[in-house]
Amino acid sequence: MRSMVKLVGAALAMVAMVALGGCGGDTTDDDSFSCTGGGVALRCIASTQYCEQATNGSVATGAACRSIPAGCVGNPCNSCLMSGTGGIILCSTITLGDARATTVNVRSN
């Protein structure tokens, strides 16, 4: 009887750990990508954000996740985030499944 109680207790403990682990905010399986610069390390959401890196020459001095403008379709670097507009000096994008990882470089002030 005691072994049955221990077995049921162990099973309940495992179920609780799995349930709590699901609420832990683990983002390894989402559509996010890294955005780093100037000692800042962020995760941007590929489907709705782009990474803005402030640069001083070739060195990234800062980073921020920004919202992709509404109505921006297709490759953002060919439409709403083009190099030479809005202070953007370089735009690159990589397709990740149905989403894109987009990074723009701007001059740091």
Protein backbone atom coordinates (compact mmCIF):
# COMPACT_ATOMS: atom_id res chain seq x y z
CA MET A 1 0.00 0.00 0.00
CA ARG A 2 2.82 2.42 0.86
CA SER A 3 4.51 1.78 -2.47
CA MET A 4 1.24 2.63 -4.25
CA VAL A 5 0.99 5.92 -2.32
CA LYS A 6 4.62 6.76 -3.20
CA LEU A 7 3.96 5.95 -6.87
CA VAL A 8 0.85 8.14 -6.98
CA GLY A 9 2.71 10.94 -5.15
CA ALA A 10 5.61 10.77 -7.60
CA ALA A 11 3.21 10.84 -10.55
CA LEU A 12 1.40 13.89 -9.16
CA ALA A 13 4.73 15.66 -8.57
CA MET A 14 5.75 15.05 -12.19
CA VAL A 15 2.41 16.37 -13.48
CA ALA A 16 2.82 19.50 -11.33
CA MET A 17 6.36 20.11 -12.62
CA VAL A 18 5.22 19.80 -16.24
CA ALA A 19 2.26 22.11 -15.64
CA LEU A 20 4.39 24.72 -13.89
CA GLY A 21 7.12 24.45 -16.52
CA GLY A 22 4.57 25.36 -19.19
CA CYS A 23 4.03 28.70 -17.46
CA GLY A 24 7.69 29.51 -17.08
CA GLY A 25 7.97 31.81 -20.10
CA ASP A 26 10.35 29.59 -22.08
CA THR A 27 10.60 31.19 -25.52
CA THR A 28 12.92 28.71 -27.22
CA ASP A 29 10.18 27.39 -29.53
CA ASP A 30 8.66 30.73 -30.58
CA ASP A 31 9.43 32.88 -33.62
CA SER A 32 11.81 35.26 -31.85
CA PHE A 33 15.35 36.19 -32.84
CA SER A 34 18.25 37.87 -31.07
CA CYS A 35 18.91 41.60 -31.15
CA THR A 36 22.19 42.68 -29.56
CA GLY A 37 24.40 45.73 -29.37
CA GLY A 38 26.16 47.89 -26.81
CA GLY A 39 25.81 45.32 -24.04
CA VAL A 40 22.06 44.91 -24.67
CA ALA A 41 20.70 41.44 -25.52
CA LEU A 42 17.02 41.25 -26.50
CA ARG A 43 14.65 38.85 -28.25
CA CYS A 44 12.46 40.42 -30.95
CA ILE A 45 9.27 38.77 -32.21
CA ALA A 46 9.95 37.92 -35.84
CA SER A 47 6.37 38.27 -37.03
CA THR A 48 5.78 41.79 -35.64
CA GLN A 49 9.13 43.41 -34.80
CA TYR A 50 12.49 44.26 -36.27
CA CYS A 51 15.84 44.79 -34.54
CA GLU A 52 17.25 48.30 -34.67
CA GLN A 53 20.99 48.42 -34.03
CA ALA A 54 22.63 51.77 -33.44
CA THR A 55 26.12 51.71 -34.92
CA ASN A 56 29.21 53.83 -34.68
CA GLY A 57 31.11 52.78 -37.78
CA SER A 58 31.05 48.98 -37.66
CA VAL A 59 30.44 48.69 -33.88
CA ALA A 60 26.89 48.21 -32.55
CA THR A 61 26.44 50.67 -29.67
CA GLY A 62 22.82 49.87 -28.83
CA ALA A 63 19.85 47.70 -29.73
CA ALA A 64 16.06 47.89 -29.56
CA CYS A 65 13.09 45.88 -30.80
CA ARG A 66 10.75 48.09 -32.82
CA SER A 67 7.33 47.34 -34.31
CA ILE A 68 7.20 46.73 -38.04
CA PRO A 69 5.02 49.54 -39.45
CA ALA A 70 1.39 48.67 -40.17
CA GLY A 71 0.80 47.83 -43.81
CA CYS A 72 4.37 46.67 -44.37
CA VAL A 73 4.12 43.59 -46.58
CA GLY A 74 6.65 41.22 -48.07
CA ASN A 75 10.30 41.98 -47.46
CA PRO A 76 10.43 45.02 -45.10
CA CYS A 77 13.84 46.02 -46.49
CA ASN A 78 12.28 46.49 -49.93
CA SER A 79 9.33 48.53 -48.73
CA CYS A 80 8.91 50.24 -45.37
CA LEU A 81 12.45 49.87 -43.94
CA MET A 82 14.57 50.76 -46.95
CA SER A 83 18.17 51.85 -46.55
CA GLY A 84 18.53 55.61 -46.88
CA THR A 85 15.15 56.39 -45.29
CA GLY A 86 14.42 57.26 -41.67
CA GLY A 87 18.09 57.20 -40.74
CA ILE A 88 18.50 53.56 -41.83
CA ILE A 89 21.96 52.94 -43.29
CA LEU A 90 21.60 49.16 -43.75
CA CYS A 91 18.68 46.73 -43.71
CA SER A 92 18.91 42.95 -43.82
CA THR A 93 16.24 40.28 -43.51
CA ILE A 94 16.26 36.49 -43.16
CA THR A 95 13.19 34.29 -43.60
CA LEU A 96 12.35 32.07 -40.61
CA GLY A 97 9.48 29.84 -41.66
CA ASP A 98 6.49 32.14 -42.11
CA ALA A 99 8.20 35.05 -40.32
CA ARG A 100 11.23 37.19 -41.07
CA ALA A 101 14.12 38.26 -38.85
CA THR A 102 14.84 41.83 -39.90
CA THR A 103 17.68 44.02 -38.63
CA VAL A 104 18.29 47.65 -39.51
CA ASN A 105 21.40 49.65 -38.68
CA VAL A 106 21.17 53.34 -37.86
CA ARG A 107 23.93 55.78 -36.92
CA SER A 108 24.32 56.28 -33.20
CA ASN A 109 24.20 59.85 -31.96
